[in-house]
């Protein structure tokens, strides 16, 4: 087996350990998967097909930005999806609409992006880094690599085109970000993959580990009760609103992490048409949020997304989260979300998880009660499967520190290193159950943190400052 260190180095330079109490940074809630009227339908009786405005969503980009701000978001990505010639729609219509939305809602940081039609797969959120070329970069990626936008009549739906797209993205002066959307929506069972499988995730991440950095842990479309998340196959549902790749302890996500991959999860709305208007979605921030530890600055938010300084939550179950691993007492070296701590095998690592529940009702008018928290530790195993350890606490077992709920766990560092992540719920389920038709999503809320890594490879594991 390749060492934990060598696989970690695939991810290029890692973030340096952040000082506790980062100056100027705070939790920035956002959403990277939002559709507008420029997710067009197509009149295919014309040649080339003609875009039909509002085909998949009735809302302007300014409408979406206003709703995001209303529901407490500080950042958002506009991600309209493609079709034959959508790069022209992006250039001539969606981009001016983004400029208008930025003027209309200046307090909300708004990224240029798209729901990229992934060749030989399904969809991904493409987030363009702010720069003078952010319009043209998105247009070029769509035009050259999008599965639904043929060149010279040839539709590119092969795996090599996706690898070429990622190679192009990583070469840009300000590389974009890619998060795989609803990865198991086309699965036919638990562990029976559809358009996205773990082998593809590895190949994409190997090609551009600082571009394709994760996946939706909690997909959107959570307002529809007949098929939560639009996971239509009853044999392959979501679990507590989260994709099976994320929700299964020891599953796909944990396996990727045990391989040393810096691979993160998020929660999004995938907003098309809101429930109030007869749709199956919530507005940006109404139900799902991705919190990023960053300054209120586009570049720093992008940096937080790239480096895993974030957690995902539904229903405003929590609004603050701190997960820190220490090598000893309070003055000892430590690491938090997305960071790596060098330790010696067998030494004691001290894990502390702190979360805060909001002081006001969520958008459903509820004050959900946190019922449990769980810390999950994984390490590389001999057969390629991660070795997992978990510990769970209920309200009677954690301590309170003002508005915070706090748990700690001390355990030996595994010989091959480890990762540490956390989750919690307002349910009594020891593990999230498969979602069933008719389930009320507001009664089944979860948060998931991104991981902290423990590296046991020795002094060479120390990372240079960025």
Protein backbone atom coordinates (compact mmCIF):
# COMPACT_ATOMS: atom_id res chain seq x y z
CA UNK A 1 0.00 0.00 0.00
CA UNK A 2 1.18 3.47 -0.79
CA UNK A 3 1.97 5.47 2.28
CA UNK A 4 -0.45 7.97 3.75
CA UNK A 5 2.16 10.69 3.17
CA UNK A 6 2.77 10.00 -0.52
CA UNK A 7 -0.92 10.08 -1.30
CA UNK A 8 -1.29 13.30 0.67
CA UNK A 9 1.42 14.88 -1.46
CA UNK A 10 -0.70 14.23 -4.56
CA UNK A 11 -2.84 17.11 -3.37
CA UNK A 12 -0.04 19.64 -3.97
CA UNK A 13 0.98 22.16 -1.28
CA UNK A 14 -1.26 21.85 1.74
CA UNK A 15 -2.47 24.72 3.90
CA UNK A 16 -0.22 25.62 6.79
CA UNK A 17 -1.62 25.11 10.25
CA UNK A 18 -3.87 28.02 11.06
CA UNK A 19 -3.40 29.91 14.27
CA UNK A 20 -6.32 29.48 16.63
CA UNK A 21 -8.62 32.46 16.29
CA UNK A 22 -7.66 33.37 12.70
CA UNK A 23 -7.68 37.15 12.47
CA UNK A 24 -10.51 38.46 10.33
CA UNK A 25 -11.99 35.06 9.51
CA UNK A 26 -15.50 33.96 10.45
CA UNK A 27 -18.02 31.35 9.33
CA UNK A 28 -19.38 32.38 5.93
CA UNK A 29 -22.54 30.43 4.95
CA UNK A 30 -23.14 29.84 1.26
CA UNK A 31 -24.42 27.66 -1.58
CA UNK A 32 -22.55 26.58 -4.73
CA UNK A 33 -25.44 25.11 -6.77
CA UNK A 34 -28.20 27.54 -7.80
CA UNK A 35 -30.15 27.76 -11.09
CA UNK A 36 -31.80 30.75 -12.75
CA UNK A 37 -33.80 31.53 -15.89
CA UNK A 38 -30.56 30.98 -17.84
CA UNK A 39 -30.85 27.24 -17.20
CA UNK A 40 -32.70 27.33 -20.48
CA UNK A 41 -34.83 24.85 -22.35
CA UNK A 42 -34.17 24.29 -26.07
CA UNK A 43 -36.24 24.50 -29.22
CA UNK A 44 -34.69 21.67 -31.17
CA UNK A 45 -36.77 22.23 -34.28
CA UNK A 46 -34.32 24.95 -35.28
CA UNK A 47 -30.73 24.51 -36.38
CA UNK A 48 -28.87 25.21 -34.23
CA UNK A 49 -31.33 24.73 -31.33
CA UNK A 50 -32.72 27.97 -29.93
CA UNK A 51 -32.55 28.65 -26.16
CA UNK A 52 -35.86 29.16 -24.37
CA UNK A 53 -35.39 31.49 -21.42
CA UNK A 54 -36.75 30.24 -18.11
CA UNK A 55 -36.94 26.63 -19.25
CA UNK A 56 -35.73 25.12 -15.98
CA UNK A 57 -36.18 27.99 -13.51
CA UNK A 58 -38.33 31.15 -13.53
CA UNK A 59 -36.01 33.24 -11.35
CA UNK A 60 -33.54 35.92 -12.34
CA UNK A 61 -30.06 35.81 -10.91
CA UNK A 62 -30.95 38.91 -8.90
CA UNK A 63 -34.00 37.09 -7.48
CA UNK A 64 -31.78 34.24 -6.33
CA UNK A 65 -29.24 36.61 -4.82
CA UNK A 66 -31.96 38.42 -2.86
CA UNK A 67 -33.29 35.12 -1.50
CA UNK A 68 -29.80 33.98 -0.56
CA UNK A 69 -29.21 37.18 1.38
CA UNK A 70 -32.65 36.90 2.99
CA UNK A 71 -31.78 33.45 4.30
CA UNK A 72 -28.46 34.55 5.74
CA UNK A 73 -25.95 33.56 3.07
CA UNK A 74 -22.83 35.67 2.52
CA UNK A 75 -21.74 33.95 -0.73
CA UNK A 76 -23.33 32.08 -3.61
CA UNK A 77 -22.37 30.52 -6.96
CA UNK A 78 -24.64 30.92 -10.00
CA UNK A 79 -24.64 27.52 -11.77
CA UNK A 80 -26.88 27.35 -14.81
CA UNK A 81 -26.58 24.20 -16.86
CA UNK A 82 -25.75 23.70 -20.48
CA UNK A 83 -26.94 22.38 -23.78
CA UNK A 84 -26.15 22.85 -27.45
CA UNK A 85 -24.67 26.34 -27.60
CA UNK A 86 -25.09 27.26 -23.94
CA UNK A 87 -21.67 28.91 -23.93
CA UNK A 88 -23.26 31.66 -26.05
CA UNK A 89 -26.08 31.96 -23.50
CA UNK A 90 -23.42 32.28 -20.80
CA UNK A 91 -21.57 34.98 -22.69
CA UNK A 92 -24.50 37.04 -23.92
CA UNK A 93 -27.13 36.62 -21.19
CA UNK A 94 -26.02 34.87 -17.99
CA UNK A 95 -22.88 36.97 -17.55
CA UNK A 96 -24.70 40.36 -17.85
CA UNK A 97 -27.32 38.97 -15.45
CA UNK A 98 -24.56 38.16 -12.95
CA UNK A 99 -23.17 41.67 -13.26
CA UNK A 100 -26.67 43.03 -12.59
CA UNK A 101 -27.14 40.73 -9.59
CA UNK A 102 -23.85 41.92 -8.14
CA UNK A 103 -25.10 45.49 -8.42
CA UNK A 104 -28.52 44.63 -7.00
CA UNK A 105 -27.19 42.66 -3.98
CA UNK A 106 -23.70 44.02 -3.32
CA UNK A 107 -23.43 42.53 0.19
CA UNK A 108 -23.57 38.99 -1.21
CA UNK A 109 -20.37 37.63 -2.75
CA UNK A 110 -21.46 36.08 -6.05
CA UNK A 111 -19.26 33.73 -8.07
CA UNK A 112 -19.50 33.06 -11.76
CA UNK A 113 -20.08 29.38 -12.38
CA UNK A 114 -22.05 26.65 -14.11
CA UNK A 115 -23.46 23.20 -13.59
CA UNK A 116 -20.92 21.57 -15.86
CA UNK A 117 -22.14 18.69 -18.02
CA UNK A 118 -19.38 16.23 -17.14
CA UNK A 119 -18.27 14.09 -20.10
CA UNK A 120 -18.94 10.39 -19.48
CA UNK A 121 -20.62 11.22 -16.17
CA UNK A 122 -23.35 13.58 -14.95
CA UNK A 123 -22.93 17.02 -13.39
CA UNK A 124 -20.56 19.12 -11.30
CA UNK A 125 -20.53 22.63 -9.86
CA UNK A 126 -17.87 24.66 -11.64
CA UNK A 127 -16.77 27.75 -9.68
CA UNK A 128 -14.69 30.32 -11.55
CA UNK A 129 -12.05 32.22 -9.61
CA UNK A 130 -12.62 35.99 -9.67
CA UNK A 131 -10.41 37.64 -12.29
CA UNK A 132 -10.69 39.93 -15.30
CA UNK A 133 -11.16 36.76 -17.38
CA UNK A 134 -13.89 35.08 -15.34
CA UNK A 135 -16.50 35.41 -18.10
CA UNK A 136 -14.25 34.18 -20.90
CA UNK A 137 -12.81 31.31 -18.86
CA UNK A 138 -16.27 29.88 -18.21
CA UNK A 139 -17.33 30.33 -21.84
CA UNK A 140 -14.20 28.54 -23.03
CA UNK A 141 -14.62 25.60 -20.64
CA UNK A 142 -18.24 25.12 -21.65
CA UNK A 143 -17.51 25.45 -25.36
CA UNK A 144 -14.47 23.17 -25.44
CA UNK A 145 -15.35 20.49 -22.91
CA UNK A 146 -19.06 20.44 -22.00
CA UNK A 147 -20.74 17.12 -22.74
CA UNK A 148 -23.91 18.78 -24.04
CA UNK A 149 -22.20 21.31 -26.30
CA UNK A 150 -20.95 19.52 -29.42
CA UNK A 151 -18.15 20.88 -31.60
CA UNK A 152 -18.62 20.41 -35.35
CA UNK A 153 -21.57 18.16 -34.62
CA UNK A 154 -19.57 15.80 -32.42
CA UNK A 155 -20.84 15.38 -28.87
CA UNK A 156 -17.99 14.75 -26.44
CA UNK A 157 -19.12 12.14 -23.93
CA UNK A 158 -15.94 10.27 -23.11
CA UNK A 159 -13.73 10.06 -20.06
CA UNK A 160 -10.67 11.55 -21.72
CA UNK A 161 -12.54 14.78 -22.44
CA UNK A 162 -13.16 15.23 -18.71
CA UNK A 163 -9.48 14.64 -17.96
CA UNK A 164 -8.58 17.16 -20.67
CA UNK A 165 -10.99 19.66 -19.14
CA UNK A 166 -9.42 19.28 -15.70
CA UNK A 167 -5.92 19.59 -17.15
CA UNK A 168 -7.00 22.82 -18.82
CA UNK A 169 -8.53 24.16 -15.61
CA UNK A 170 -5.47 23.41 -13.49
CA UNK A 171 -3.32 25.35 -15.99
CA UNK A 172 -5.27 28.59 -15.62
CA UNK A 173 -3.58 31.43 -13.71
CA UNK A 174 -6.41 31.38 -11.17
CA UNK A 175 -7.69 27.77 -11.25
CA UNK A 176 -11.42 27.21 -10.75
CA UNK A 177 -13.01 24.69 -8.39
CA UNK A 178 -15.15 21.66 -9.21
CA UNK A 179 -17.49 19.79 -6.84
CA UNK A 180 -19.24 16.68 -8.14
CA UNK A 181 -23.01 17.13 -7.85
CA UNK A 182 -25.42 14.47 -6.45
CA UNK A 183 -22.85 11.70 -7.03
CA UNK A 184 -25.11 8.70 -6.30
CA UNK A 185 -28.33 9.96 -7.85
CA UNK A 186 -27.99 7.48 -10.72
CA UNK A 187 -26.92 4.55 -8.53
CA UNK A 188 -29.08 1.43 -8.73
CA UNK A 189 -28.40 0.29 -5.18
CA UNK A 190 -26.22 0.86 -2.16
CA UNK A 191 -22.70 0.53 -3.52
CA UNK A 192 -23.96 -0.14 -7.04
CA UNK A 193 -22.84 2.95 -8.89
CA UNK A 194 -24.32 4.74 -11.86
CA UNK A 195 -22.87 7.66 -13.83
CA UNK A 196 -20.33 8.44 -11.08
CA UNK A 197 -18.19 5.78 -9.45
CA UNK A 198 -15.21 5.85 -7.06
CA UNK A 199 -12.75 5.00 -9.83
CA UNK A 200 -13.80 8.12 -11.74
CA UNK A 201 -13.54 10.25 -8.61
CA UNK A 202 -9.97 9.04 -8.12
CA UNK A 203 -9.05 9.67 -11.74
CA UNK A 204 -10.47 13.18 -11.73
CA UNK A 205 -8.83 14.02 -8.41
CA UNK A 206 -5.46 12.62 -9.52
CA UNK A 207 -5.59 14.79 -12.65
CA UNK A 208 -6.35 18.06 -10.85
CA UNK A 209 -6.32 17.63 -7.05
CA UNK A 210 -6.49 21.39 -6.45
CA UNK A 211 -9.38 21.85 -8.89
CA UNK A 212 -11.72 18.89 -8.40
CA UNK A 213 -11.74 18.92 -4.61
CA UNK A 214 -14.96 17.27 -3.49
CA UNK A 215 -18.63 16.46 -3.92
CA UNK A 216 -22.06 17.35 -2.62
CA UNK A 217 -22.46 15.50 0.64
CA UNK A 218 -26.06 16.67 0.88
CA UNK A 219 -27.60 17.16 -2.57
CA UNK A 220 -30.33 19.71 -3.26
CA UNK A 221 -33.99 19.12 -4.12
CA UNK A 222 -34.71 18.38 -0.46
CA UNK A 223 -38.23 19.88 -0.50
CA UNK A 224 -39.71 17.05 -2.56
CA UNK A 225 -41.01 14.39 -0.19
CA UNK A 226 -41.73 11.65 -2.72
CA UNK A 227 -38.04 11.24 -3.62
CA UNK A 228 -35.72 13.23 -1.38
CA UNK A 229 -32.92 14.83 -3.33
CA UNK A 230 -34.47 13.50 -6.58
CA UNK A 231 -32.82 10.17 -5.76
CA UNK A 232 -35.59 8.32 -7.58
CA UNK A 233 -34.35 4.77 -7.14
CA UNK A 234 -35.75 3.47 -3.85
CA UNK A 235 -32.85 1.02 -3.67
CA UNK A 236 -30.33 3.89 -3.67
CA UNK A 237 -31.82 6.69 -1.56
CA UNK A 238 -30.27 9.45 0.44
CA UNK A 239 -29.59 8.79 4.13
CA UNK A 240 -30.68 11.64 6.40
CA UNK A 241 -30.62 13.82 3.29
CA UNK A 242 -26.98 12.97 2.57
CA UNK A 243 -25.62 10.99 -0.36
CA UNK A 244 -24.66 7.38 0.45
CA UNK A 245 -21.03 8.07 -0.51
CA UNK A 246 -20.87 10.49 2.44
CA UNK A 247 -23.35 8.97 4.89
CA UNK A 248 -21.92 5.44 5.07
CA UNK A 249 -19.16 5.20 7.69
CA UNK A 250 -16.28 3.38 6.05
CA UNK A 251 -17.82 4.02 2.63
CA UNK A 252 -16.58 5.89 -0.42
CA UNK A 253 -15.73 9.20 1.24
CA UNK A 254 -13.90 7.56 4.13
CA UNK A 255 -11.98 5.35 1.70
CA UNK A 256 -10.84 8.39 -0.27
CA UNK A 257 -9.79 10.14 2.94
CA UNK A 258 -7.91 7.07 4.17
CA UNK A 259 -5.97 7.16 0.90
CA UNK A 260 -4.77 10.60 1.95
CA UNK A 261 -6.94 12.52 -0.50
CA UNK A 262 -7.98 16.04 0.42
CA UNK A 263 -11.55 15.54 -0.74
CA UNK A 264 -14.32 17.63 0.80
CA UNK A 265 -18.12 17.58 1.09
CA UNK A 266 -20.72 20.36 0.92
CA UNK A 267 -24.50 20.94 1.12
CA UNK A 268 -26.44 22.82 -1.57
CA UNK A 269 -29.97 23.75 -2.62
CA UNK A 270 -29.81 22.86 -6.35
CA UNK A 271 -32.56 25.47 -6.49
CA UNK A 272 -34.70 25.44 -9.65
CA UNK A 273 -38.32 26.12 -8.60
CA UNK A 274 -39.21 26.76 -4.97
CA UNK A 275 -41.78 24.71 -3.09
CA UNK A 276 -43.98 27.81 -2.66
CA UNK A 277 -44.24 28.09 -6.46
CA UNK A 278 -45.12 24.45 -6.99
CA UNK A 279 -41.52 23.23 -7.27
CA UNK A 280 -39.41 20.70 -5.40
CA UNK A 281 -36.68 22.94 -4.05
CA UNK A 282 -35.73 25.34 -1.30
CA UNK A 283 -34.13 28.70 -1.94
CA UNK A 284 -30.39 29.17 -1.40
CA UNK A 285 -29.84 29.06 2.36
CA UNK A 286 -33.43 28.19 3.19
CA UNK A 287 -32.64 24.59 4.14
CA UNK A 288 -28.99 23.72 3.34
CA UNK A 289 -25.84 25.68 4.04
CA UNK A 290 -22.12 25.20 3.52
CA UNK A 291 -20.17 27.21 6.11
CA UNK A 292 -16.67 28.28 5.07
CA UNK A 293 -14.09 29.64 7.53
CA UNK A 294 -12.94 32.74 5.67
CA UNK A 295 -12.91 36.48 5.51
CA UNK A 296 -15.84 38.13 3.72
CA UNK A 297 -13.74 38.11 0.60
CA UNK A 298 -14.18 36.11 -2.61
CA UNK A 299 -10.59 34.90 -2.82
CA UNK A 300 -10.51 33.76 0.80
CA UNK A 301 -13.86 31.97 0.49
CA UNK A 302 -12.53 30.19 -2.58
CA UNK A 303 -9.40 29.30 -0.60
CA UNK A 304 -11.55 27.89 2.21
CA UNK A 305 -13.52 25.77 -0.25
CA UNK A 306 -10.31 24.54 -1.87
CA UNK A 307 -8.71 23.64 1.45
CA UNK A 308 -11.63 22.10 3.33
CA UNK A 309 -12.23 24.79 5.95
CA UNK A 310 -15.96 24.10 5.99
CA UNK A 311 -18.88 22.10 7.28
CA UNK A 312 -22.29 21.18 5.83
CA UNK A 313 -25.62 21.44 7.63
CA UNK A 314 -29.34 21.19 6.96
CA UNK A 315 -32.21 22.99 8.68
CA UNK A 316 -29.89 25.33 10.62
CA UNK A 317 -29.23 22.58 13.15
CA UNK A 318 -25.93 24.28 14.06
CA UNK A 319 -24.36 27.54 12.94
CA UNK A 320 -20.86 27.18 14.41
CA UNK A 321 -18.52 24.21 14.55
CA UNK A 322 -15.00 23.72 15.87
CA UNK A 323 -13.20 20.41 15.47
CA UNK A 324 -9.62 20.44 16.70
CA UNK A 325 -7.07 17.68 17.24
CA UNK A 326 -4.16 18.29 19.63
CA UNK A 327 -0.93 16.48 20.20
CA UNK A 328 -1.17 17.08 23.93
CA UNK A 329 -2.26 19.89 26.26
CA UNK A 330 -3.62 23.30 25.35
CA UNK A 331 -0.23 24.63 24.30
CA UNK A 332 0.59 21.63 22.12
CA UNK A 333 0.43 21.76 18.31
CA UNK A 334 -3.05 21.30 16.89
CA UNK A 335 -4.97 21.23 13.63
CA UNK A 336 -8.54 21.90 12.56
CA UNK A 337 -10.73 21.41 9.48
CA UNK A 338 -8.73 20.76 6.33
CA UNK A 339 -5.38 20.86 8.13
CA UNK A 340 -2.75 18.22 8.88
CA UNK A 341 -1.06 17.56 12.21
CA UNK A 342 2.21 15.59 12.39
CA UNK A 343 2.22 13.07 15.26
CA UNK A 344 4.03 9.92 16.33
CA UNK A 345 2.22 6.56 16.13
CA UNK A 346 0.91 5.47 19.50
CA UNK A 347 0.94 8.96 21.00
CA UNK A 348 -2.33 10.26 22.40
CA UNK A 349 -4.35 12.59 20.23
CA UNK A 350 -6.96 14.72 21.95
CA UNK A 351 -10.04 15.48 19.86
CA UNK A 352 -12.39 18.28 20.83
CA UNK A 353 -15.68 18.95 19.02
CA UNK A 354 -17.63 22.09 19.81
CA UNK A 355 -20.89 23.12 18.12
CA UNK A 356 -23.35 25.95 18.64
CA UNK A 357 -27.05 25.90 17.91
CA UNK A 358 -28.70 29.06 16.53
CA UNK A 359 -30.50 31.32 18.95
CA UNK A 360 -33.41 31.92 16.57
CA UNK A 361 -35.84 29.63 14.72
CA UNK A 362 -34.92 28.20 11.34
CA UNK A 363 -36.83 29.16 8.21
CA UNK A 364 -39.44 26.50 8.97
CA UNK A 365 -40.13 28.23 12.29
CA UNK A 366 -38.55 25.44 14.34
CA UNK A 367 -35.87 25.42 17.01
CA UNK A 368 -34.41 21.96 16.32
CA UNK A 369 -32.79 20.25 19.29
CA UNK A 370 -29.43 18.58 18.80
CA UNK A 371 -29.85 14.99 19.98
CA UNK A 372 -26.45 13.46 19.26
CA UNK A 373 -22.92 14.07 18.05
CA UNK A 374 -20.45 11.56 16.68
CA UNK A 375 -16.70 11.70 16.10
CA UNK A 376 -15.42 9.41 13.35
CA UNK A 377 -11.76 8.37 13.02
CA UNK A 378 -10.46 6.48 10.02
CA UNK A 379 -7.05 5.13 9.07
CA UNK A 380 -5.60 3.13 6.16
CA UNK A 381 -6.16 -0.62 6.37
CA UNK A 382 -4.19 -3.52 4.94
CA UNK A 383 -6.79 -4.44 2.32
CA UNK A 384 -7.55 -0.94 1.03
CA UNK A 385 -10.64 -0.53 3.20
CA UNK A 386 -10.37 2.08 5.96
CA UNK A 387 -10.24 1.01 9.60
CA UNK A 388 -12.95 2.98 11.38
CA UNK A 389 -13.48 3.98 15.01
CA UNK A 390 -16.47 6.00 16.20
CA UNK A 391 -17.75 7.47 19.41
CA UNK A 392 -21.22 8.92 19.93
CA UNK A 393 -22.57 11.29 22.59
CA UNK A 394 -26.11 12.28 23.52
CA UNK A 395 -27.26 15.41 25.33
CA UNK A 396 -26.79 13.82 28.75
CA UNK A 397 -23.14 13.07 27.97
CA UNK A 398 -21.72 16.29 26.55
CA UNK A 399 -20.86 19.38 28.53
CA UNK A 400 -22.07 22.89 27.96
CA UNK A 401 -19.80 25.89 27.64
CA UNK A 402 -22.15 28.83 27.35
CA UNK A 403 -23.94 28.41 24.01
CA UNK A 404 -21.61 25.58 22.97
CA UNK A 405 -22.00 21.80 23.24
CA UNK A 406 -18.59 20.22 23.79
CA UNK A 407 -17.25 16.65 23.65
CA UNK A 408 -13.69 15.33 23.87
CA UNK A 409 -12.08 12.01 23.03
CA UNK A 410 -8.55 10.80 23.62
CA UNK A 411 -7.16 7.82 21.72
CA UNK A 412 -3.85 6.52 20.35
CA UNK A 413 -2.62 7.69 16.95
CA UNK A 414 -2.88 4.82 14.42
CA UNK A 415 0.40 3.64 12.96
CA UNK A 416 -0.39 4.78 9.41
CA UNK A 417 -1.96 8.09 10.28
CA UNK A 418 -5.62 9.00 10.40
CA UNK A 419 -8.36 11.46 9.63
CA UNK A 420 -10.95 12.80 12.05
CA UNK A 421 -14.40 14.07 11.13
CA UNK A 422 -17.68 14.66 12.93
CA UNK A 423 -21.42 14.67 12.43
CA UNK A 424 -24.57 15.14 14.47
CA UNK A 425 -28.35 15.10 14.23
CA UNK A 426 -31.65 16.05 15.80
CA UNK A 427 -32.67 12.38 15.51
CA UNK A 428 -31.89 9.44 17.75
CA UNK A 429 -30.53 7.40 14.83
CA UNK A 430 -27.09 6.00 15.59
CA UNK A 431 -26.52 6.15 11.83
CA UNK A 432 -28.76 7.95 9.34
CA UNK A 433 -31.53 5.73 8.02
CA UNK A 434 -32.49 5.40 4.37
CA UNK A 435 -34.92 8.17 3.44
CA UNK A 436 -38.42 7.03 2.50
CA UNK A 437 -41.24 8.69 0.57
CA UNK A 438 -43.27 11.11 2.66
CA UNK A 439 -40.47 11.86 5.10
CA UNK A 440 -40.42 15.40 6.54
CA UNK A 441 -36.93 16.78 5.87
CA UNK A 442 -37.26 19.27 8.73
CA UNK A 443 -37.47 16.40 11.22
CA UNK A 444 -34.30 14.73 9.89
CA UNK A 445 -31.47 17.25 10.15
CA UNK A 446 -27.73 16.59 10.13
CA UNK A 447 -24.40 18.37 10.14
CA UNK A 448 -21.14 16.92 8.79
CA UNK A 449 -17.69 18.40 9.25
CA UNK A 450 -14.81 18.06 6.87
CA UNK A 451 -11.79 16.17 8.22
CA UNK A 452 -8.62 16.90 10.13
CA UNK A 453 -5.64 14.74 9.04
CA UNK A 454 -3.04 13.11 11.28
CA UNK A 455 0.27 12.37 9.52
CA UNK A 456 2.71 9.87 11.03
CA UNK A 457 5.29 9.92 8.23
CA UNK A 458 7.87 11.95 10.15
CA UNK A 459 9.57 15.34 9.78
CA UNK A 460 9.30 15.30 5.98
CA UNK A 461 5.52 15.67 6.40
CA UNK A 462 5.93 19.29 7.42
CA UNK A 463 4.46 21.52 4.73
CA UNK A 464 6.05 24.70 3.40
CA UNK A 465 4.14 27.91 3.95
CA UNK A 466 2.06 29.04 1.02
